[in-house]
Amino acid sequence: MNHLIGVLAAAADLETFCRSREWKFCFIGGIAVQRWGTPRFTQDVGITIVTGFGREEEFIGALLEQFPGRLDEARKFALERRVLLLRDARGVSLDVALGAFPFEEASVKRATRWKITETMALTTCSPEDRVVHKVFAARDHDWSDVESVLARQYGRLDLGQIRRELRPLLELKEDSASLPRFEHLLAVVADRLRR
């Protein structure tokens, strides 16, 4: 529990930093799963900041002035991979996606504030966008997160939006397996909830 408090505090500090610069952003990682799925242990903070194409250096520079990089060449890595790997003062890992694609921009626009305590609120992606992020990543642990969001939010999700966002993203990476796997998992969750 203490670690989760540290992660949430790191996210709150990063939110304050982004808001002070009027950046467009939302939390996309384990923080969003805490809100929309089954709460689980999360070790880091994942966030998308909309930088667009061509202004990445400006955002990277400001972030590296505030938070140390986790790699010796964090700036170079971020410019090549569009992910800036940072650490906050508590030692919490911060994974900053440099957003520029239409889905990332739309995800940030759809984001809403999640009130955690009287003094803490975090801006997270929607449950639909959390599913899209996780299906796109398609690692083993991502599928368990997809299942937890589907189960907890079943009946409230815009499944049409999920499918519309997923198709072009999966086509980009030539992934023909993840959408059928998502549909199968959705059917399994629906069947389980009907019993």
N, C-alpha and C. Protein backbone atom coordinates (compact mmCIF):
# COMPACT_ATOMS: atom_id res chain seq x y z
N MET A 1 0.82 -1.20 0.00
CA MET A 1 0.00 0.00 0.00
C MET A 1 0.87 1.26 0.00
N ASN A 2 1.98 1.21 0.78
CA ASN A 2 2.86 2.38 0.82
C ASN A 2 3.44 2.69 -0.54
N HIS A 3 3.77 1.62 -1.32
CA HIS A 3 4.32 1.84 -2.65
C HIS A 3 3.28 2.51 -3.56
N LEU A 4 2.02 2.05 -3.47
CA LEU A 4 0.96 2.66 -4.29
C LEU A 4 0.80 4.14 -3.93
N ILE A 5 0.88 4.47 -2.65
CA ILE A 5 0.79 5.87 -2.23
C ILE A 5 1.91 6.68 -2.87
N GLY A 6 3.12 6.11 -2.91
CA GLY A 6 4.25 6.78 -3.54
C GLY A 6 4.03 6.98 -5.03
N VAL A 7 3.48 5.96 -5.70
CA VAL A 7 3.20 6.05 -7.13
C VAL A 7 2.15 7.13 -7.40
N LEU A 8 1.09 7.14 -6.61
CA LEU A 8 0.04 8.16 -6.78
C LEU A 8 0.58 9.57 -6.52
N ALA A 9 1.45 9.69 -5.51
CA ALA A 9 2.04 10.99 -5.21
C ALA A 9 2.95 11.45 -6.36
N ALA A 10 3.70 10.51 -6.94
CA ALA A 10 4.55 10.85 -8.09
C ALA A 10 3.69 11.30 -9.27
N ALA A 11 2.58 10.59 -9.49
CA ALA A 11 1.67 10.98 -10.57
C ALA A 11 1.08 12.36 -10.31
N ALA A 12 0.73 12.64 -9.07
CA ALA A 12 0.16 13.95 -8.73
C ALA A 12 1.18 15.07 -8.98
N ASP A 13 2.45 14.82 -8.64
CA ASP A 13 3.50 15.80 -8.91
C ASP A 13 3.66 16.03 -10.42
N LEU A 14 3.61 14.94 -11.19
CA LEU A 14 3.75 15.06 -12.64
C LEU A 14 2.54 15.79 -13.24
N GLU A 15 1.36 15.52 -12.70
CA GLU A 15 0.15 16.22 -13.15
C GLU A 15 0.30 17.73 -12.91
N THR A 16 0.74 18.10 -11.72
CA THR A 16 0.93 19.51 -11.38
C THR A 16 1.94 20.16 -12.34
N PHE A 17 3.02 19.45 -12.61
CA PHE A 17 4.05 19.95 -13.52
C PHE A 17 3.46 20.20 -14.92
N CYS A 18 2.70 19.23 -15.44
CA CYS A 18 2.11 19.36 -16.78
C CYS A 18 1.06 20.48 -16.81
N ARG A 19 0.24 20.56 -15.79
CA ARG A 19 -0.80 21.60 -15.74
C ARG A 19 -0.18 22.99 -15.68
N SER A 20 0.92 23.13 -14.96
CA SER A 20 1.56 24.44 -14.83
C SER A 20 2.07 24.95 -16.18
N ARG A 21 2.29 24.03 -17.10
CA ARG A 21 2.75 24.40 -18.45
C ARG A 21 1.63 24.38 -19.48
N GLU A 22 0.42 24.07 -19.00
CA GLU A 22 -0.76 23.97 -19.87
C GLU A 22 -0.58 22.94 -20.97
N TRP A 23 0.10 21.84 -20.64
CA TRP A 23 0.28 20.75 -21.58
C TRP A 23 -0.97 19.89 -21.63
N LYS A 24 -1.19 19.23 -22.74
CA LYS A 24 -2.29 18.27 -22.89
C LYS A 24 -1.73 16.89 -22.57
N PHE A 25 -2.39 16.17 -21.67
CA PHE A 25 -1.84 14.90 -21.18
C PHE A 25 -2.93 14.04 -20.56
N CYS A 26 -2.61 12.78 -20.34
CA CYS A 26 -3.44 11.92 -19.48
C CYS A 26 -2.61 10.70 -19.07
N PHE A 27 -2.96 10.15 -17.92
CA PHE A 27 -2.30 8.94 -17.43
C PHE A 27 -2.92 7.74 -18.13
N ILE A 28 -2.04 6.82 -18.55
CA ILE A 28 -2.49 5.69 -19.37
C ILE A 28 -2.11 4.33 -18.79
N GLY A 29 -1.22 4.27 -17.85
CA GLY A 29 -0.68 3.00 -17.38
C GLY A 29 -1.48 2.40 -16.24
N GLY A 30 -0.73 1.88 -15.26
CA GLY A 30 -1.35 1.23 -14.11
C GLY A 30 -2.29 2.14 -13.34
N ILE A 31 -2.05 3.44 -13.41
CA ILE A 31 -2.95 4.40 -12.73
C ILE A 31 -4.35 4.28 -13.32
N ALA A 32 -4.45 4.22 -14.66
CA ALA A 32 -5.76 4.10 -15.31
C ALA A 32 -6.41 2.75 -15.00
N VAL A 33 -5.59 1.71 -14.88
CA VAL A 33 -6.14 0.40 -14.51
C VAL A 33 -6.70 0.46 -13.09
N GLN A 34 -6.03 1.19 -12.20
CA GLN A 34 -6.55 1.35 -10.83
C GLN A 34 -7.95 1.95 -10.87
N ARG A 35 -8.17 2.89 -11.78
CA ARG A 35 -9.47 3.57 -11.87
C ARG A 35 -10.53 2.70 -12.53
N TRP A 36 -10.19 2.06 -13.65
CA TRP A 36 -11.21 1.42 -14.48
C TRP A 36 -11.27 -0.10 -14.38
N GLY A 37 -10.21 -0.72 -13.90
CA GLY A 37 -10.18 -2.18 -13.83
C GLY A 37 -10.07 -2.66 -12.40
N THR A 38 -9.48 -3.84 -12.25
CA THR A 38 -9.25 -4.38 -10.93
C THR A 38 -7.96 -3.79 -10.40
N PRO A 39 -8.01 -3.07 -9.26
CA PRO A 39 -6.79 -2.48 -8.73
C PRO A 39 -5.71 -3.54 -8.56
N ARG A 40 -4.50 -3.19 -8.97
CA ARG A 40 -3.38 -4.12 -8.88
C ARG A 40 -2.14 -3.35 -8.51
N PHE A 41 -1.10 -4.08 -8.15
CA PHE A 41 0.18 -3.47 -7.83
C PHE A 41 0.74 -2.82 -9.09
N THR A 42 1.12 -1.58 -9.00
CA THR A 42 1.76 -0.90 -10.12
C THR A 42 3.02 -0.23 -9.62
N GLN A 43 4.09 -0.36 -10.40
CA GLN A 43 5.39 0.14 -9.97
C GLN A 43 5.76 1.48 -10.58
N ASP A 44 5.04 1.88 -11.64
CA ASP A 44 5.47 3.08 -12.34
C ASP A 44 4.27 3.92 -12.76
N VAL A 45 4.58 5.06 -13.33
CA VAL A 45 3.56 5.99 -13.80
C VAL A 45 3.70 6.10 -15.32
N GLY A 46 2.64 5.78 -16.04
CA GLY A 46 2.63 5.93 -17.49
C GLY A 46 1.74 7.10 -17.88
N ILE A 47 2.24 7.95 -18.75
CA ILE A 47 1.51 9.15 -19.14
C ILE A 47 1.76 9.43 -20.62
N THR A 48 0.75 9.94 -21.29
CA THR A 48 0.93 10.49 -22.64
C THR A 48 0.87 12.00 -22.54
N ILE A 49 1.87 12.66 -23.10
CA ILE A 49 1.86 14.12 -23.23
C ILE A 49 1.86 14.42 -24.72
N VAL A 50 0.89 15.21 -25.17
CA VAL A 50 0.80 15.53 -26.59
C VAL A 50 1.86 16.57 -26.93
N THR A 51 2.86 16.13 -27.69
CA THR A 51 3.95 17.01 -28.12
C THR A 51 3.79 17.39 -29.59
N GLY A 52 3.04 16.56 -30.33
CA GLY A 52 3.01 16.73 -31.78
C GLY A 52 4.33 16.31 -32.37
N PHE A 53 4.46 16.48 -33.68
CA PHE A 53 5.72 16.19 -34.36
C PHE A 53 6.51 17.47 -34.54
N GLY A 54 7.77 17.47 -34.10
CA GLY A 54 8.64 18.62 -34.30
C GLY A 54 8.91 19.45 -33.06
N ARG A 55 8.11 19.26 -31.99
CA ARG A 55 8.32 20.04 -30.76
C ARG A 55 8.79 19.17 -29.60
N GLU A 56 9.18 17.95 -29.90
CA GLU A 56 9.54 17.01 -28.83
C GLU A 56 10.66 17.53 -27.94
N GLU A 57 11.68 18.16 -28.54
CA GLU A 57 12.84 18.66 -27.77
C GLU A 57 12.42 19.61 -26.65
N GLU A 58 11.45 20.46 -26.95
CA GLU A 58 10.96 21.43 -25.97
C GLU A 58 10.40 20.72 -24.73
N PHE A 59 9.61 19.69 -24.95
CA PHE A 59 9.00 18.94 -23.85
C PHE A 59 10.05 18.11 -23.11
N ILE A 60 10.90 17.45 -23.88
CA ILE A 60 11.94 16.61 -23.28
C ILE A 60 12.85 17.46 -22.39
N GLY A 61 13.26 18.62 -22.90
CA GLY A 61 14.14 19.50 -22.12
C GLY A 61 13.52 19.93 -20.80
N ALA A 62 12.25 20.34 -20.85
CA ALA A 62 11.57 20.78 -19.62
C ALA A 62 11.43 19.63 -18.63
N LEU A 63 11.10 18.46 -19.12
CA LEU A 63 10.94 17.30 -18.23
C LEU A 63 12.27 16.90 -17.61
N LEU A 64 13.34 16.90 -18.40
CA LEU A 64 14.65 16.50 -17.87
C LEU A 64 15.21 17.52 -16.88
N GLU A 65 14.75 18.76 -16.94
CA GLU A 65 15.16 19.75 -15.93
C GLU A 65 14.52 19.45 -14.58
N GLN A 66 13.35 18.82 -14.60
CA GLN A 66 12.60 18.56 -13.38
C GLN A 66 12.82 17.14 -12.84
N PHE A 67 12.96 16.17 -13.75
CA PHE A 67 13.07 14.75 -13.36
C PHE A 67 14.30 14.14 -14.03
N PRO A 68 15.13 13.42 -13.27
CA PRO A 68 16.31 12.79 -13.90
C PRO A 68 15.91 11.65 -14.83
N GLY A 69 16.70 11.48 -15.89
CA GLY A 69 16.47 10.37 -16.81
C GLY A 69 16.91 9.06 -16.20
N ARG A 70 16.28 7.97 -16.62
CA ARG A 70 16.67 6.65 -16.14
C ARG A 70 17.77 6.04 -17.00
N LEU A 71 18.05 6.65 -18.13
CA LEU A 71 19.12 6.19 -19.01
C LEU A 71 20.14 7.30 -19.17
N ASP A 72 21.39 6.93 -19.45
CA ASP A 72 22.41 7.95 -19.70
C ASP A 72 22.03 8.83 -20.89
N GLU A 73 21.46 8.23 -21.89
CA GLU A 73 21.07 8.98 -23.08
C GLU A 73 19.55 9.02 -23.21
N ALA A 74 18.90 9.47 -22.15
CA ALA A 74 17.42 9.50 -22.10
C ALA A 74 16.85 10.36 -23.23
N ARG A 75 17.49 11.48 -23.51
CA ARG A 75 17.01 12.39 -24.56
C ARG A 75 17.05 11.70 -25.92
N LYS A 76 18.18 11.08 -26.22
CA LYS A 76 18.35 10.39 -27.52
C LYS A 76 17.33 9.25 -27.64
N PHE A 77 17.19 8.47 -26.58
CA PHE A 77 16.24 7.37 -26.57
C PHE A 77 14.83 7.89 -26.83
N ALA A 78 14.47 9.00 -26.18
CA ALA A 78 13.12 9.56 -26.33
C ALA A 78 12.88 10.03 -27.76
N LEU A 79 13.87 10.64 -28.37
CA LEU A 79 13.71 11.13 -29.74
C LEU A 79 13.59 9.97 -30.73
N GLU A 80 14.26 8.87 -30.43
CA GLU A 80 14.20 7.70 -31.32
C GLU A 80 12.95 6.86 -31.09
N ARG A 81 12.55 6.71 -29.82
CA ARG A 81 11.46 5.79 -29.47
C ARG A 81 10.16 6.46 -29.08
N ARG A 82 10.18 7.79 -28.92
CA ARG A 82 9.01 8.57 -28.50
C ARG A 82 8.55 8.22 -27.08
N VAL A 83 9.48 7.76 -26.26
CA VAL A 83 9.20 7.49 -24.84
C VAL A 83 10.37 8.01 -24.02
N LEU A 84 10.07 8.92 -23.09
CA LEU A 84 11.09 9.47 -22.21
C LEU A 84 11.01 8.75 -20.87
N LEU A 85 12.10 8.12 -20.47
CA LEU A 85 12.15 7.33 -19.24
C LEU A 85 12.79 8.16 -18.13
N LEU A 86 11.98 8.50 -17.12
CA LEU A 86 12.40 9.38 -16.04
C LEU A 86 12.23 8.69 -14.69
N ARG A 87 12.68 9.38 -13.63
CA ARG A 87 12.49 8.91 -12.26
C ARG A 87 12.16 10.14 -11.41
N ASP A 88 11.24 9.99 -10.48
CA ASP A 88 10.94 11.13 -9.61
C ASP A 88 11.80 11.06 -8.35
N ALA A 89 11.67 12.04 -7.47
CA ALA A 89 12.52 12.13 -6.28
C ALA A 89 12.34 10.94 -5.34
N ARG A 90 11.18 10.27 -5.42
CA ARG A 90 10.93 9.09 -4.57
C ARG A 90 11.52 7.82 -5.16
N GLY A 91 12.01 7.91 -6.40
CA GLY A 91 12.52 6.72 -7.08
C GLY A 91 11.48 6.04 -7.95
N VAL A 92 10.30 6.62 -8.09
CA VAL A 92 9.23 6.04 -8.92
C VAL A 92 9.56 6.28 -10.39
N SER A 93 9.44 5.24 -11.19
CA SER A 93 9.69 5.34 -12.63
C SER A 93 8.53 6.06 -13.32
N LEU A 94 8.88 6.98 -14.21
CA LEU A 94 7.90 7.73 -15.00
C LEU A 94 8.15 7.42 -16.47
N ASP A 95 7.17 6.84 -17.15
CA ASP A 95 7.28 6.53 -18.58
C ASP A 95 6.42 7.54 -19.34
N VAL A 96 7.06 8.45 -20.05
CA VAL A 96 6.36 9.54 -20.72
C VAL A 96 6.31 9.27 -22.23
N ALA A 97 5.11 8.96 -22.74
CA ALA A 97 4.92 8.78 -24.17
C ALA A 97 4.76 10.16 -24.81
N LEU A 98 5.52 10.41 -25.86
CA LEU A 98 5.45 11.69 -26.57
C LEU A 98 4.39 11.55 -27.66
N GLY A 99 3.19 11.96 -27.34
CA GLY A 99 2.03 11.73 -28.21
C GLY A 99 1.96 12.68 -29.39
N ALA A 100 1.59 12.11 -30.55
CA ALA A 100 1.41 12.94 -31.74
C ALA A 100 0.40 12.33 -32.71
N PHE A 101 0.12 11.06 -32.54
CA PHE A 101 -0.79 10.38 -33.47
C PHE A 101 -2.25 10.72 -33.13
N PRO A 102 -3.14 10.63 -34.11
CA PRO A 102 -4.54 10.98 -33.87
C PRO A 102 -5.17 10.25 -32.68
N PHE A 103 -4.87 8.95 -32.51
CA PHE A 103 -5.45 8.24 -31.37
C PHE A 103 -4.96 8.84 -30.05
N GLU A 104 -3.67 9.17 -29.97
CA GLU A 104 -3.14 9.75 -28.72
C GLU A 104 -3.80 11.09 -28.42
N GLU A 105 -3.95 11.92 -29.44
CA GLU A 105 -4.60 13.21 -29.24
C GLU A 105 -6.05 13.04 -28.82
N ALA A 106 -6.76 12.10 -29.46
CA ALA A 106 -8.17 11.86 -29.10
C ALA A 106 -8.29 11.30 -27.69
N SER A 107 -7.37 10.43 -27.32
CA SER A 107 -7.37 9.84 -25.98
C SER A 107 -7.21 10.92 -24.92
N VAL A 108 -6.32 11.87 -25.16
CA VAL A 108 -6.11 12.97 -24.22
C VAL A 108 -7.36 13.85 -24.15
N LYS A 109 -8.00 14.09 -25.28
CA LYS A 109 -9.23 14.91 -25.29
C LYS A 109 -10.36 14.23 -24.51
N ARG A 110 -10.42 12.90 -24.57
CA ARG A 110 -11.48 12.16 -23.87
C ARG A 110 -11.18 11.94 -22.39
N ALA A 111 -9.98 12.26 -21.95
CA ALA A 111 -9.57 12.01 -20.57
C ALA A 111 -10.41 12.82 -19.58
N THR A 112 -10.56 12.26 -18.39
CA THR A 112 -11.32 12.93 -17.32
C THR A 112 -10.55 12.85 -16.01
N ARG A 113 -10.95 13.71 -15.09
CA ARG A 113 -10.29 13.75 -13.78
C ARG A 113 -10.87 12.68 -12.87
N TRP A 114 -9.99 12.03 -12.14
CA TRP A 114 -10.36 10.99 -11.18
C TRP A 114 -10.00 11.50 -9.79
N LYS A 115 -11.03 11.75 -8.99
CA LYS A 115 -10.81 12.25 -7.64
C LYS A 115 -10.46 11.08 -6.73
N ILE A 116 -9.25 11.09 -6.21
CA ILE A 116 -8.76 10.00 -5.37
C ILE A 116 -8.96 10.33 -3.89
N THR A 117 -8.61 11.56 -3.52
CA THR A 117 -8.84 12.06 -2.16
C THR A 117 -9.33 13.49 -2.28
N GLU A 118 -9.58 14.11 -1.16
CA GLU A 118 -10.02 15.51 -1.17
C GLU A 118 -8.98 16.43 -1.79
N THR A 119 -7.72 16.03 -1.72
CA THR A 119 -6.65 16.90 -2.22
C THR A 119 -5.93 16.35 -3.44
N MET A 120 -6.34 15.18 -3.95
CA MET A 120 -5.64 14.59 -5.09
C MET A 120 -6.61 14.13 -6.16
N ALA A 121 -6.38 14.58 -7.38
CA ALA A 121 -7.13 14.12 -8.55
C ALA A 121 -6.15 13.94 -9.70
N LEU A 122 -6.34 12.89 -10.48
CA LEU A 122 -5.46 12.61 -11.61
C LEU A 122 -6.28 12.51 -12.89
N THR A 123 -5.73 12.97 -13.99
CA THR A 123 -6.40 12.94 -15.29
C THR A 123 -6.03 11.64 -15.99
N THR A 124 -7.01 10.76 -16.15
CA THR A 124 -6.73 9.46 -16.77
C THR A 124 -7.49 9.32 -18.08
N CYS A 125 -6.96 8.45 -18.93
CA CYS A 125 -7.67 8.12 -20.16
C CYS A 125 -8.99 7.43 -19.82
N SER A 126 -9.87 7.35 -20.80
CA SER A 126 -11.17 6.69 -20.61
C SER A 126 -10.96 5.18 -20.51
N PRO A 127 -11.96 4.43 -20.01
CA PRO A 127 -11.81 2.98 -19.97
C PRO A 127 -11.67 2.38 -21.37
N GLU A 128 -12.36 2.97 -22.34
CA GLU A 128 -12.24 2.49 -23.72
C GLU A 128 -10.81 2.64 -24.23
N ASP A 129 -10.22 3.80 -23.96
CA ASP A 129 -8.86 4.04 -24.42
C ASP A 129 -7.86 3.18 -23.66
N ARG A 130 -8.15 2.88 -22.40
CA ARG A 130 -7.27 1.97 -21.64
C ARG A 130 -7.27 0.60 -22.31
N VAL A 131 -8.44 0.13 -22.74
CA VAL A 131 -8.53 -1.15 -23.44
C VAL A 131 -7.74 -1.10 -24.75
N VAL A 132 -7.90 -0.02 -25.51
CA VAL A 132 -7.17 0.10 -26.79
C VAL A 132 -5.67 0.07 -26.55
N HIS A 133 -5.18 0.84 -25.59
CA HIS A 133 -3.74 0.83 -25.29
C HIS A 133 -3.26 -0.57 -24.97
N LYS A 134 -4.01 -1.28 -24.15
CA LYS A 134 -3.58 -2.60 -23.69
C LYS A 134 -3.65 -3.64 -24.80
N VAL A 135 -4.71 -3.61 -25.61
CA VAL A 135 -4.81 -4.56 -26.72
C VAL A 135 -3.69 -4.29 -27.73
N PHE A 136 -3.39 -3.03 -27.97
CA PHE A 136 -2.32 -2.68 -28.89
C PHE A 136 -0.98 -3.20 -28.39
N ALA A 137 -0.71 -3.06 -27.10
CA ALA A 137 0.55 -3.55 -26.53
C ALA A 137 0.61 -5.07 -26.57
N ALA A 138 -0.50 -5.72 -26.23
CA ALA A 138 -0.69 -7.18 -26.38
C ALA A 138 0.35 -8.06 -25.70
N ARG A 139 0.91 -7.58 -24.57
CA ARG A 139 1.77 -8.46 -23.78
C ARG A 139 0.87 -9.30 -22.87
N ASP A 140 1.41 -10.36 -22.30
CA ASP A 140 0.58 -11.26 -21.49
C ASP A 140 -0.16 -10.52 -20.38
N HIS A 141 0.57 -9.67 -19.63
CA HIS A 141 -0.09 -8.97 -18.52
C HIS A 141 -1.09 -7.94 -19.03
N ASP A 142 -0.92 -7.47 -20.27
CA ASP A 142 -1.89 -6.51 -20.82
C ASP A 142 -3.26 -7.15 -20.97
N TRP A 143 -3.29 -8.42 -21.35
CA TRP A 143 -4.58 -9.10 -21.55
C TRP A 143 -5.33 -9.27 -20.24
N SER A 144 -4.61 -9.49 -19.14
CA SER A 144 -5.31 -9.58 -17.85
C SER A 144 -5.88 -8.22 -17.46
N ASP A 145 -5.18 -7.14 -17.81
CA ASP A 145 -5.71 -5.79 -17.55
C ASP A 145 -6.94 -5.52 -18.43
N VAL A 146 -6.90 -5.95 -19.70
CA VAL A 146 -8.06 -5.80 -20.58
C VAL A 146 -9.26 -6.52 -19.97
N GLU A 147 -9.04 -7.74 -19.53
CA GLU A 147 -10.13 -8.52 -18.94
C GLU A 147 -10.70 -7.82 -17.71
N SER A 148 -9.83 -7.24 -16.87
CA SER A 148 -10.32 -6.60 -15.65
C SER A 148 -11.15 -5.36 -15.97
N VAL A 149 -10.75 -4.59 -16.99
CA VAL A 149 -11.53 -3.40 -17.38
C VAL A 149 -12.85 -3.84 -17.99
N LEU A 150 -12.82 -4.84 -18.88
CA LEU A 150 -14.06 -5.34 -19.48
C LEU A 150 -15.04 -5.81 -18.41
N ALA A 151 -14.54 -6.54 -17.42
CA ALA A 151 -15.41 -7.08 -16.37
C ALA A 151 -15.98 -5.97 -15.50
N ARG A 152 -15.15 -5.03 -15.11
CA ARG A 152 -15.60 -3.99 -14.18
C ARG A 152 -16.48 -2.94 -14.87
N GLN A 153 -16.24 -2.70 -16.17
CA GLN A 153 -16.98 -1.65 -16.88
C GLN A 153 -18.01 -2.22 -17.86
N TYR A 154 -18.25 -3.52 -17.80
CA TYR A 154 -19.14 -4.16 -18.78
C TYR A 154 -20.52 -3.49 -18.77
N GLY A 155 -21.04 -3.23 -19.97
CA GLY A 155 -22.33 -2.57 -20.10
C GLY A 155 -22.23 -1.07 -20.16
N ARG A 156 -21.07 -0.52 -19.80
CA ARG A 156 -20.87 0.92 -19.84
C ARG A 156 -19.86 1.34 -20.91
N LEU A 157 -19.17 0.35 -21.48
CA LEU A 157 -18.14 0.65 -22.47
C LEU A 157 -18.73 0.91 -23.84
N ASP A 158 -18.14 1.83 -24.58
CA ASP A 158 -18.49 2.06 -25.98
C ASP A 158 -17.65 1.11 -26.82
N LEU A 159 -18.19 -0.07 -27.07
CA LEU A 159 -17.44 -1.10 -27.80
C LEU A 159 -17.18 -0.70 -29.24
N GLY A 160 -18.10 0.07 -29.82
CA GLY A 160 -17.89 0.56 -31.18
C GLY A 160 -16.67 1.46 -31.26
N GLN A 161 -16.52 2.32 -30.27
CA GLN A 161 -15.34 3.21 -30.24
C GLN A 161 -14.06 2.40 -30.12
N ILE A 162 -14.07 1.39 -29.24
CA ILE A 162 -12.88 0.55 -29.07
C ILE A 162 -12.50 -0.09 -30.40
N ARG A 163 -13.48 -0.65 -31.08
CA ARG A 163 -13.18 -1.33 -32.36
C ARG A 163 -12.71 -0.33 -33.42
N ARG A 164 -13.33 0.84 -33.48
CA ARG A 164 -12.94 1.85 -34.47
C ARG A 164 -11.50 2.33 -34.25
N GLU A 165 -11.11 2.48 -32.99
CA GLU A 165 -9.76 2.94 -32.68
C GLU A 165 -8.73 1.82 -32.89
N LEU A 166 -9.12 0.59 -32.55
CA LEU A 166 -8.18 -0.53 -32.62
C LEU A 166 -7.81 -0.92 -34.04
N ARG A 167 -8.79 -0.99 -34.92
CA ARG A 167 -8.53 -1.52 -36.27
C ARG A 167 -7.35 -0.85 -36.96
N PRO A 168 -7.35 0.49 -37.12
CA PRO A 168 -6.21 1.11 -37.82
C PRO A 168 -4.89 0.96 -37.08
N LEU A 169 -4.92 0.98 -35.75
CA LEU A 169 -3.68 0.83 -34.99
C LEU A 169 -3.08 -0.57 -35.19
N LEU A 170 -3.94 -1.57 -35.15
CA LEU A 170 -3.46 -2.94 -35.34
C LEU A 170 -3.00 -3.18 -36.78
N GLU A 171 -3.66 -2.53 -37.74
CA GLU A 171 -3.22 -2.63 -39.14
C GLU A 171 -1.83 -2.03 -39.30
N LEU A 172 -1.55 -0.93 -38.60
CA LEU A 172 -0.22 -0.30 -38.68
C LEU A 172 0.89 -1.26 -38.30
N LYS A 173 0.64 -2.08 -37.30
CA LYS A 173 1.70 -3.01 -36.87
C LYS A 173 1.47 -4.42 -37.43
N GLU A 174 0.56 -4.51 -38.40
CA GLU A 174 0.28 -5.78 -39.09
C GLU A 174 -0.03 -6.89 -38.10
N ASP A 175 -0.90 -6.56 -37.16
CA ASP A 175 -1.33 -7.50 -36.11
C ASP A 175 -2.76 -7.95 -36.44
N SER A 176 -2.89 -9.17 -36.92
CA SER A 176 -4.22 -9.69 -37.27
C SER A 176 -4.80 -10.57 -36.16
N ALA A 177 -4.04 -10.77 -35.09
CA ALA A 177 -4.47 -11.68 -34.03
C ALA A 177 -5.15 -10.99 -32.85
N SER A 178 -4.80 -9.73 -32.58
CA SER A 178 -5.26 -9.10 -31.33
C SER A 178 -6.74 -8.74 -31.33
N LEU A 179 -7.30 -8.31 -32.47
CA LEU A 179 -8.73 -7.97 -32.47
C LEU A 179 -9.59 -9.22 -32.25
N PRO A 180 -9.32 -10.34 -32.93
CA PRO A 180 -10.09 -11.56 -32.61
C PRO A 180 -9.90 -12.01 -31.16
N ARG A 181 -8.69 -11.85 -30.63
CA ARG A 181 -8.46 -12.22 -29.23
C ARG A 181 -9.28 -11.32 -28.31
N PHE A 182 -9.37 -10.02 -28.62
CA PHE A 182 -10.19 -9.10 -27.84
C PHE A 182 -11.66 -9.54 -27.89
N GLU A 183 -12.16 -9.84 -29.08
CA GLU A 183 -13.57 -10.25 -29.24
C GLU A 183 -13.86 -11.53 -28.45
N HIS A 184 -12.91 -12.46 -28.48
CA HIS A 184 -13.08 -13.70 -27.71
C HIS A 184 -13.12 -13.41 -26.21
N LEU A 185 -12.22 -12.57 -25.76
CA LEU A 185 -12.17 -12.22 -24.33
C LEU A 185 -13.44 -11.51 -23.91
N LEU A 186 -13.95 -10.62 -24.77
CA LEU A 186 -15.20 -9.93 -24.49
C LEU A 186 -16.35 -10.93 -24.34
N ALA A 187 -16.41 -11.93 -25.23
CA ALA A 187 -17.46 -12.95 -25.16
C ALA A 187 -17.34 -13.78 -23.88
N VAL A 188 -16.11 -14.09 -23.49
CA VAL A 188 -15.88 -14.86 -22.26
C VAL A 188 -16.36 -14.07 -21.04
N VAL A 189 -16.00 -12.77 -20.99
CA VAL A 189 -16.42 -11.93 -19.87
C VAL A 189 -17.94 -11.80 -19.84
N ALA A 190 -18.55 -11.58 -20.99
CA ALA A 190 -20.01 -11.43 -21.06
C ALA A 190 -20.70 -12.71 -20.57
N ASP A 191 -20.19 -13.86 -21.00
CA ASP A 191 -20.76 -15.14 -20.59
C ASP A 191 -20.64 -15.33 -19.08
N ARG A 192 -19.47 -14.99 -18.54
CA ARG A 192 -19.25 -15.14 -17.10
C ARG A 192 -20.20 -14.24 -16.32
N LEU A 193 -20.42 -13.01 -16.79
CA LEU A 193 -21.28 -12.07 -16.06
C LEU A 193 -22.76 -12.43 -16.16
N ARG A 194 -23.13 -13.15 -17.20
CA ARG A 194 -24.55 -13.57 -17.35
C ARG A 194 -24.89 -14.71 -16.42
N ARG A 195 -23.92 -15.45 -15.96
CA ARG A 195 -24.21 -16.63 -15.13
C ARG A 195 -24.62 -16.25 -13.73
